[in-house]
N, C-alpha and C. Protein backbone atom coordinates (compact mmCIF):
# COMPACT_ATOMS: atom_id res chain seq x y z
N MET A 1 121.75 120.63 86.06
CA MET A 1 120.59 120.16 85.33
C MET A 1 119.34 120.45 86.16
N SER A 2 118.34 121.02 85.55
CA SER A 2 117.09 121.31 86.22
C SER A 2 116.24 120.05 86.33
N GLN A 3 115.44 120.03 87.37
CA GLN A 3 114.53 118.90 87.55
C GLN A 3 113.11 119.41 87.71
N LEU A 4 112.18 118.68 87.16
CA LEU A 4 110.77 119.00 87.21
C LEU A 4 110.11 118.10 88.24
N ILE A 5 109.27 118.68 89.08
CA ILE A 5 108.50 117.87 90.01
C ILE A 5 107.34 117.28 89.23
N ILE A 6 107.32 115.96 89.13
CA ILE A 6 106.26 115.25 88.41
C ILE A 6 105.06 115.04 89.32
N GLY A 7 105.32 114.80 90.59
CA GLY A 7 104.23 114.58 91.52
C GLY A 7 104.70 114.65 92.95
N HIS A 8 103.74 114.91 93.83
CA HIS A 8 104.01 114.93 95.26
C HIS A 8 102.89 114.15 95.94
N GLY A 9 103.26 113.17 96.73
CA GLY A 9 102.29 112.41 97.50
C GLY A 9 102.55 112.63 98.98
N LEU A 10 101.49 112.90 99.71
CA LEU A 10 101.59 113.09 101.15
C LEU A 10 100.56 112.21 101.81
N GLU A 11 100.99 111.44 102.78
CA GLU A 11 100.08 110.51 103.46
C GLU A 11 100.29 110.63 104.95
N ILE A 12 99.20 110.79 105.69
CA ILE A 12 99.23 110.82 107.15
C ILE A 12 98.29 109.73 107.64
N LEU A 13 98.81 108.85 108.47
CA LEU A 13 98.03 107.71 108.98
C LEU A 13 98.09 107.66 110.50
N GLU A 14 97.03 107.13 111.09
CA GLU A 14 97.06 106.82 112.51
C GLU A 14 97.72 105.46 112.67
N THR A 15 98.73 105.38 113.50
CA THR A 15 99.43 104.10 113.67
C THR A 15 98.51 103.03 114.26
N ASN A 16 97.49 103.44 115.01
CA ASN A 16 96.55 102.45 115.56
C ASN A 16 95.81 101.69 114.48
N HIS A 17 95.56 102.35 113.32
CA HIS A 17 94.88 101.65 112.23
C HIS A 17 95.74 100.49 111.72
N ILE A 18 97.02 100.72 111.57
CA ILE A 18 97.92 99.65 111.12
C ILE A 18 97.95 98.53 112.15
N LYS A 19 98.02 98.92 113.41
CA LYS A 19 98.02 97.93 114.50
C LYS A 19 96.74 97.08 114.46
N GLU A 20 95.60 97.71 114.23
CA GLU A 20 94.33 96.98 114.14
C GLU A 20 94.31 96.03 112.95
N TYR A 21 94.80 96.50 111.78
CA TYR A 21 94.88 95.62 110.60
C TYR A 21 95.72 94.39 110.90
N MET A 22 96.85 94.62 111.54
CA MET A 22 97.75 93.51 111.83
C MET A 22 97.14 92.54 112.83
N GLU A 23 96.45 93.05 113.82
CA GLU A 23 95.82 92.18 114.81
C GLU A 23 94.72 91.35 114.18
N ARG A 24 94.00 91.93 113.22
CA ARG A 24 92.91 91.19 112.55
C ARG A 24 93.44 90.15 111.58
N SER A 25 94.49 90.49 110.83
CA SER A 25 94.95 89.58 109.78
C SER A 25 96.30 88.93 110.05
N GLY A 26 96.97 89.31 111.11
CA GLY A 26 98.25 88.69 111.44
C GLY A 26 99.30 88.92 110.38
N GLU A 27 100.02 87.85 110.09
CA GLU A 27 101.11 87.96 109.10
C GLU A 27 100.61 88.20 107.69
N ASP A 28 99.34 87.90 107.43
CA ASP A 28 98.81 88.11 106.09
C ASP A 28 98.97 89.56 105.64
N TRP A 29 98.70 90.52 106.54
CA TRP A 29 98.83 91.93 106.18
C TRP A 29 100.26 92.25 105.77
N GLU A 30 101.21 91.77 106.55
CA GLU A 30 102.63 92.02 106.23
C GLU A 30 103.01 91.39 104.89
N MET A 31 102.55 90.17 104.65
CA MET A 31 102.88 89.47 103.40
C MET A 31 102.29 90.18 102.19
N GLU A 32 101.10 90.79 102.34
CA GLU A 32 100.44 91.47 101.23
C GLU A 32 100.99 92.87 100.96
N HIS A 33 101.53 93.51 101.98
CA HIS A 33 101.91 94.92 101.86
C HIS A 33 103.40 95.20 101.95
N LEU A 34 104.18 94.27 102.45
CA LEU A 34 105.61 94.52 102.66
C LEU A 34 106.45 93.49 101.90
N THR A 35 107.53 93.93 101.30
CA THR A 35 108.43 93.02 100.60
C THR A 35 109.22 92.20 101.62
N ALA A 36 109.88 91.18 101.15
CA ALA A 36 110.69 90.34 102.05
C ALA A 36 111.76 91.18 102.75
N THR A 37 112.37 92.11 102.02
CA THR A 37 113.39 92.97 102.62
C THR A 37 112.79 93.84 103.72
N GLU A 38 111.63 94.41 103.47
CA GLU A 38 110.99 95.25 104.48
C GLU A 38 110.60 94.44 105.71
N ARG A 39 110.12 93.24 105.50
CA ARG A 39 109.75 92.39 106.64
C ARG A 39 110.99 91.96 107.42
N ARG A 40 112.08 91.71 106.71
CA ARG A 40 113.32 91.25 107.35
C ARG A 40 113.97 92.35 108.19
N THR A 41 113.78 93.60 107.79
CA THR A 41 114.44 94.69 108.50
C THR A 41 113.54 95.39 109.51
N THR A 42 112.36 94.84 109.75
CA THR A 42 111.47 95.51 110.69
C THR A 42 112.08 95.53 112.08
N GLU A 43 111.89 96.66 112.73
CA GLU A 43 112.40 96.84 114.08
C GLU A 43 111.46 96.16 115.07
N LEU A 44 111.99 95.79 116.20
CA LEU A 44 111.18 95.16 117.23
C LEU A 44 110.79 96.17 118.29
N GLY A 45 109.90 95.78 119.14
CA GLY A 45 109.49 96.66 120.23
C GLY A 45 108.39 97.60 119.81
N SER A 46 108.21 98.65 120.59
CA SER A 46 107.11 99.58 120.36
C SER A 46 107.24 100.36 119.05
N SER A 47 108.44 100.51 118.52
CA SER A 47 108.60 101.26 117.27
C SER A 47 108.29 100.42 116.03
N ARG A 48 108.03 99.14 116.18
CA ARG A 48 107.74 98.27 115.04
C ARG A 48 106.51 98.74 114.27
N ILE A 49 105.44 99.08 114.99
CA ILE A 49 104.22 99.54 114.33
C ILE A 49 104.49 100.84 113.58
N GLN A 50 105.26 101.74 114.16
CA GLN A 50 105.60 103.00 113.49
C GLN A 50 106.41 102.74 112.23
N TYR A 51 107.34 101.80 112.32
CA TYR A 51 108.15 101.41 111.16
C TYR A 51 107.25 100.91 110.02
N LEU A 52 106.36 99.98 110.35
CA LEU A 52 105.47 99.41 109.34
C LEU A 52 104.52 100.46 108.77
N ALA A 53 103.96 101.29 109.64
CA ALA A 53 103.03 102.34 109.20
C ALA A 53 103.75 103.34 108.29
N GLY A 54 105.00 103.64 108.59
CA GLY A 54 105.78 104.55 107.75
C GLY A 54 105.97 104.01 106.35
N ARG A 55 106.32 102.74 106.25
CA ARG A 55 106.49 102.13 104.92
C ARG A 55 105.18 102.10 104.16
N PHE A 56 104.10 101.77 104.86
CA PHE A 56 102.78 101.73 104.23
C PHE A 56 102.37 103.12 103.76
N ALA A 57 102.64 104.15 104.54
CA ALA A 57 102.31 105.51 104.15
C ALA A 57 103.08 105.93 102.89
N VAL A 58 104.37 105.55 102.80
CA VAL A 58 105.16 105.84 101.60
C VAL A 58 104.51 105.17 100.40
N LYS A 59 104.13 103.91 100.55
CA LYS A 59 103.53 103.18 99.43
C LYS A 59 102.24 103.85 98.96
N GLN A 60 101.42 104.32 99.89
CA GLN A 60 100.19 105.00 99.50
C GLN A 60 100.50 106.31 98.78
N ALA A 61 101.51 107.04 99.24
CA ALA A 61 101.90 108.29 98.60
C ALA A 61 102.41 108.03 97.18
N VAL A 62 103.18 106.98 96.98
CA VAL A 62 103.69 106.63 95.65
C VAL A 62 102.54 106.26 94.71
N LEU A 63 101.58 105.49 95.21
CA LEU A 63 100.43 105.12 94.39
C LEU A 63 99.67 106.36 93.93
N LYS A 64 99.55 107.35 94.79
CA LYS A 64 98.88 108.61 94.41
C LYS A 64 99.63 109.27 93.26
N ILE A 65 100.94 109.35 93.37
CA ILE A 65 101.75 109.98 92.32
C ILE A 65 101.59 109.25 90.99
N LEU A 66 101.57 107.93 91.05
CA LEU A 66 101.49 107.13 89.83
C LEU A 66 100.07 107.02 89.27
N GLY A 67 99.10 107.55 90.01
CA GLY A 67 97.71 107.51 89.52
C GLY A 67 97.05 106.17 89.68
N ILE A 68 97.52 105.37 90.62
CA ILE A 68 96.94 104.05 90.87
C ILE A 68 96.04 104.17 92.09
N SER A 69 94.77 103.81 91.94
CA SER A 69 93.86 103.91 93.08
C SER A 69 94.17 102.79 94.08
N VAL A 70 94.00 103.11 95.34
CA VAL A 70 94.24 102.12 96.40
C VAL A 70 93.08 101.14 96.37
N CYS A 71 93.42 99.87 96.15
CA CYS A 71 92.40 98.83 96.02
C CYS A 71 92.95 97.51 96.55
N SER A 72 92.12 96.50 96.52
CA SER A 72 92.55 95.21 97.08
C SER A 72 93.69 94.57 96.29
N ASP A 73 93.75 94.78 94.96
CA ASP A 73 94.86 94.20 94.21
C ASP A 73 95.89 95.23 93.79
N CYS A 74 96.17 96.15 94.70
CA CYS A 74 97.23 97.13 94.46
C CYS A 74 98.58 96.44 94.38
N PRO A 75 99.48 96.99 93.60
CA PRO A 75 100.82 96.40 93.51
C PRO A 75 101.71 96.82 94.68
N TRP A 76 101.27 96.53 95.91
CA TRP A 76 102.02 96.93 97.11
C TRP A 76 103.46 96.45 97.08
N LEU A 77 103.66 95.22 96.59
CA LEU A 77 105.00 94.64 96.62
C LEU A 77 105.90 95.16 95.50
N ASP A 78 105.35 95.97 94.60
CA ASP A 78 106.15 96.62 93.56
C ASP A 78 106.85 97.87 94.10
N ILE A 79 106.54 98.23 95.34
CA ILE A 79 107.12 99.42 95.97
C ILE A 79 107.87 98.95 97.21
N GLU A 80 109.16 99.23 97.25
CA GLU A 80 109.95 98.83 98.40
C GLU A 80 110.69 100.04 98.98
N VAL A 81 110.57 100.21 100.29
CA VAL A 81 111.29 101.27 100.98
C VAL A 81 112.50 100.64 101.64
N GLN A 82 113.67 101.11 101.26
CA GLN A 82 114.91 100.61 101.83
C GLN A 82 115.54 101.70 102.69
N ARG A 83 116.44 101.30 103.54
CA ARG A 83 117.16 102.25 104.38
C ARG A 83 118.61 102.28 103.93
N LEU A 84 119.07 103.47 103.56
CA LEU A 84 120.46 103.64 103.17
C LEU A 84 121.35 103.59 104.41
N PRO A 85 122.64 103.36 104.24
CA PRO A 85 123.55 103.34 105.40
C PRO A 85 123.50 104.62 106.23
N THR A 86 123.10 105.72 105.60
CA THR A 86 122.98 107.00 106.31
C THR A 86 121.71 107.08 107.15
N GLY A 87 120.81 106.09 106.99
CA GLY A 87 119.53 106.11 107.67
C GLY A 87 118.42 106.70 106.82
N GLN A 88 118.79 107.34 105.72
CA GLN A 88 117.82 107.95 104.82
C GLN A 88 117.00 106.88 104.11
N PRO A 89 115.67 107.07 103.99
CA PRO A 89 114.87 106.09 103.24
C PRO A 89 115.08 106.26 101.74
N ALA A 90 115.02 105.17 101.03
CA ALA A 90 115.17 105.16 99.57
C ALA A 90 114.07 104.29 98.98
N LEU A 91 113.70 104.58 97.74
CA LEU A 91 112.60 103.89 97.09
C LEU A 91 113.11 103.03 95.94
N VAL A 92 112.62 101.79 95.87
CA VAL A 92 112.93 100.90 94.76
C VAL A 92 111.60 100.39 94.21
N LEU A 93 111.39 100.58 92.91
CA LEU A 93 110.15 100.13 92.27
C LEU A 93 110.43 98.96 91.36
N SER A 94 109.39 98.14 91.16
CA SER A 94 109.47 97.04 90.21
C SER A 94 108.10 96.88 89.56
N GLY A 95 108.01 95.97 88.61
CA GLY A 95 106.74 95.61 87.99
C GLY A 95 105.95 96.79 87.44
N LYS A 96 104.64 96.77 87.69
CA LYS A 96 103.72 97.78 87.17
C LYS A 96 104.12 99.20 87.61
N CYS A 97 104.52 99.35 88.85
CA CYS A 97 104.90 100.69 89.34
C CYS A 97 106.13 101.22 88.62
N GLN A 98 107.09 100.36 88.37
CA GLN A 98 108.30 100.78 87.65
C GLN A 98 107.94 101.18 86.22
N GLU A 99 107.04 100.45 85.59
CA GLU A 99 106.62 100.76 84.22
C GLU A 99 105.95 102.14 84.15
N ILE A 100 105.05 102.41 85.08
CA ILE A 100 104.36 103.70 85.09
C ILE A 100 105.34 104.83 85.37
N ALA A 101 106.24 104.62 86.33
CA ALA A 101 107.25 105.65 86.64
C ALA A 101 108.11 105.94 85.40
N ALA A 102 108.44 104.91 84.63
CA ALA A 102 109.22 105.11 83.40
C ALA A 102 108.41 105.91 82.38
N GLU A 103 107.11 105.64 82.28
CA GLU A 103 106.26 106.40 81.36
C GLU A 103 106.26 107.88 81.74
N PHE A 104 106.23 108.17 83.03
CA PHE A 104 106.29 109.55 83.51
C PHE A 104 107.67 110.16 83.29
N GLY A 105 108.68 109.32 83.13
CA GLY A 105 110.05 109.82 83.00
C GLY A 105 110.67 110.16 84.34
N ILE A 106 110.16 109.54 85.40
CA ILE A 106 110.68 109.83 86.74
C ILE A 106 112.10 109.28 86.85
N THR A 107 113.01 110.17 87.25
CA THR A 107 114.42 109.79 87.36
C THR A 107 114.92 109.79 88.80
N LYS A 108 114.14 110.37 89.69
CA LYS A 108 114.59 110.45 91.08
C LYS A 108 113.39 110.54 92.01
N TRP A 109 113.50 109.89 93.16
CA TRP A 109 112.48 109.95 94.20
C TRP A 109 113.10 110.54 95.46
N LEU A 110 112.38 111.45 96.09
CA LEU A 110 112.79 111.98 97.38
C LEU A 110 111.69 111.64 98.37
N LEU A 111 112.06 111.08 99.51
CA LEU A 111 111.04 110.73 100.48
C LEU A 111 111.48 111.02 101.90
N SER A 112 110.47 111.27 102.71
CA SER A 112 110.70 111.55 104.11
C SER A 112 109.59 110.87 104.91
N ILE A 113 109.97 110.26 106.01
CA ILE A 113 109.02 109.59 106.89
C ILE A 113 109.22 110.17 108.29
N SER A 114 108.11 110.51 108.92
CA SER A 114 108.18 111.04 110.27
C SER A 114 107.03 110.44 111.08
N HIS A 115 107.25 110.27 112.37
CA HIS A 115 106.18 109.69 113.17
C HIS A 115 106.23 110.13 114.63
N THR A 116 105.07 110.00 115.24
CA THR A 116 104.94 110.11 116.69
C THR A 116 104.38 108.76 117.13
N SER A 117 104.03 108.64 118.38
CA SER A 117 103.45 107.37 118.82
C SER A 117 102.06 107.15 118.22
N SER A 118 101.39 108.22 117.79
CA SER A 118 100.01 108.10 117.29
C SER A 118 99.87 108.24 115.78
N TYR A 119 100.78 108.98 115.14
CA TYR A 119 100.66 109.27 113.71
C TYR A 119 101.97 109.02 112.99
N VAL A 120 101.82 108.74 111.69
CA VAL A 120 102.98 108.65 110.81
C VAL A 120 102.67 109.48 109.57
N ALA A 121 103.68 110.17 109.06
CA ALA A 121 103.52 110.97 107.85
C ALA A 121 104.63 110.60 106.87
N ALA A 122 104.26 110.51 105.61
CA ALA A 122 105.23 110.24 104.55
C ALA A 122 105.02 111.26 103.44
N SER A 123 106.10 111.85 103.00
CA SER A 123 106.08 112.80 101.90
C SER A 123 107.00 112.26 100.81
N VAL A 124 106.48 112.17 99.60
CA VAL A 124 107.25 111.61 98.48
C VAL A 124 107.18 112.57 97.30
N LEU A 125 108.34 112.90 96.75
CA LEU A 125 108.44 113.72 95.54
C LEU A 125 108.99 112.86 94.41
N ALA A 126 108.37 112.96 93.26
CA ALA A 126 108.86 112.30 92.05
C ALA A 126 109.43 113.38 91.15
N LEU A 127 110.69 113.21 90.74
CA LEU A 127 111.38 114.21 89.93
C LEU A 127 111.74 113.65 88.57
N ARG A 128 111.83 114.56 87.62
CA ARG A 128 112.25 114.21 86.26
C ARG A 128 113.35 115.17 85.86
N GLY A 129 114.43 114.63 85.29
CA GLY A 129 115.58 115.45 84.95
C GLY A 129 115.42 116.27 83.70
N ASN A 130 114.71 115.80 82.70
CA ASN A 130 114.57 116.49 81.43
C ASN A 130 113.29 117.32 81.46
N VAL A 131 113.41 118.64 81.54
CA VAL A 131 112.24 119.50 81.66
C VAL A 131 111.68 119.99 80.32
N THR A 132 112.23 119.52 79.20
CA THR A 132 111.79 120.05 77.91
C THR A 132 110.71 119.21 77.25
N ASP A 133 110.49 117.98 77.68
CA ASP A 133 109.53 117.11 77.00
C ASP A 133 108.40 116.74 77.95
N PHE A 134 107.23 117.34 77.73
CA PHE A 134 106.08 117.11 78.59
C PHE A 134 105.12 116.06 78.02
N ARG A 135 105.39 115.54 76.83
CA ARG A 135 104.43 114.66 76.16
C ARG A 135 104.15 113.38 76.92
N VAL A 136 105.15 112.75 77.50
CA VAL A 136 104.95 111.47 78.20
C VAL A 136 104.00 111.66 79.38
N CYS A 137 104.26 112.69 80.19
CA CYS A 137 103.41 112.94 81.36
C CYS A 137 102.01 113.32 80.94
N SER A 138 101.89 114.14 79.91
CA SER A 138 100.59 114.56 79.44
C SER A 138 99.77 113.35 79.01
N LYS A 139 100.40 112.44 78.30
CA LYS A 139 99.73 111.24 77.83
C LYS A 139 99.25 110.41 79.01
N ARG A 140 100.09 110.28 80.04
CA ARG A 140 99.73 109.48 81.21
C ARG A 140 98.57 110.12 81.97
N PHE A 141 98.62 111.47 82.15
CA PHE A 141 97.54 112.14 82.86
C PHE A 141 96.23 112.00 82.09
N SER A 142 96.26 112.17 80.77
CA SER A 142 95.03 112.10 80.00
C SER A 142 94.48 110.67 79.97
N ALA A 143 95.34 109.67 80.08
CA ALA A 143 94.88 108.28 80.11
C ALA A 143 94.01 108.03 81.34
N TYR A 144 94.27 108.74 82.43
CA TYR A 144 93.47 108.59 83.64
C TYR A 144 92.36 109.63 83.72
N GLY A 145 92.23 110.46 82.68
CA GLY A 145 91.18 111.46 82.67
C GLY A 145 91.44 112.60 83.64
N THR A 146 92.67 112.77 84.05
CA THR A 146 93.00 113.81 85.01
C THR A 146 93.18 115.13 84.29
N LYS A 147 92.48 116.14 84.74
CA LYS A 147 92.63 117.49 84.20
C LYS A 147 93.42 118.30 85.22
N VAL A 148 94.55 118.81 84.80
CA VAL A 148 95.40 119.59 85.69
C VAL A 148 95.32 121.05 85.25
N PRO A 149 94.76 121.93 86.09
CA PRO A 149 94.63 123.32 85.68
C PRO A 149 95.97 124.02 85.59
N THR A 150 96.08 124.92 84.65
CA THR A 150 97.30 125.70 84.51
C THR A 150 96.96 127.02 83.84
N THR A 151 97.75 128.04 84.14
CA THR A 151 97.57 129.33 83.48
C THR A 151 98.71 129.60 82.52
N ASN A 152 99.72 128.76 82.53
CA ASN A 152 100.88 128.94 81.69
C ASN A 152 100.65 128.21 80.36
N PRO A 153 100.49 128.92 79.22
CA PRO A 153 100.19 128.26 77.96
C PRO A 153 101.28 127.30 77.50
N ARG A 154 102.54 127.57 77.87
CA ARG A 154 103.64 126.68 77.49
C ARG A 154 103.45 125.31 78.15
N LEU A 155 102.97 125.30 79.40
CA LEU A 155 102.75 124.04 80.10
C LEU A 155 101.40 123.44 79.79
N LYS A 156 100.41 124.30 79.51
CA LYS A 156 99.06 123.82 79.24
C LYS A 156 99.05 122.82 78.09
N ALA A 157 99.85 123.07 77.08
CA ALA A 157 99.94 122.16 75.94
C ALA A 157 100.43 120.79 76.38
N GLY A 158 101.23 120.74 77.43
CA GLY A 158 101.74 119.47 77.94
C GLY A 158 100.84 118.83 78.97
N GLY A 159 99.79 119.54 79.43
CA GLY A 159 98.86 118.97 80.38
C GLY A 159 99.37 118.98 81.81
N LEU A 160 100.40 119.74 82.10
CA LEU A 160 100.96 119.76 83.45
C LEU A 160 100.61 121.05 84.16
N SER A 161 100.61 121.01 85.46
CA SER A 161 100.40 122.23 86.22
C SER A 161 101.67 123.06 86.20
N GLU A 162 101.52 124.33 86.49
CA GLU A 162 102.66 125.24 86.48
C GLU A 162 103.59 124.92 87.64
N VAL A 163 104.83 124.64 87.35
CA VAL A 163 105.80 124.25 88.36
C VAL A 163 107.10 124.99 88.11
N GLU A 164 107.66 125.54 89.15
CA GLU A 164 108.98 126.17 89.02
C GLU A 164 110.03 125.08 89.09
N THR A 165 111.03 125.17 88.26
CA THR A 165 112.13 124.22 88.32
C THR A 165 113.38 124.96 88.75
N HIS A 166 114.18 124.29 89.54
CA HIS A 166 115.42 124.88 90.06
C HIS A 166 116.54 123.88 89.86
N PRO A 167 117.74 124.37 89.62
CA PRO A 167 118.87 123.45 89.51
C PRO A 167 119.04 122.69 90.82
N THR A 168 119.42 121.43 90.69
CA THR A 168 119.69 120.66 91.90
C THR A 168 120.98 121.13 92.53
N VAL A 169 121.00 121.08 93.82
CA VAL A 169 122.17 121.56 94.57
C VAL A 169 123.09 120.41 94.85
């Protein structure tokens, strides 16, 4: 089955910014931005800030894909990054974010988190399994006034950019 890339979010953050936010607001920042599961599984020691910054970067990347602007009442807690037994990060959405993802027809999320002592990067891909129906995505993009350029007339009618699809391996 072919999959269509619905969106790609990439976020690069300085870990010191997260550290500064936490020092200024204490536990409030964690309570506003991290789910109970994410707070419960946080690592201790020097890698804790990198762990938190990585989850926050994923959340910002997901918000970009869903077309939600980063603001004070963002649905941060609707996005949860979990760790699979393999160590691979996985995404679980709820509430408003889950509703928007369903409107897009997103069936799979791929994410990667990488960090150094100074920076963290998160890359998130949103995939859709059915590549024949572009109406849902087109409707969502036009609701936000987003114009996506394309040269492919077959895709232009759907409002999506030209994307190659490949069978999943």
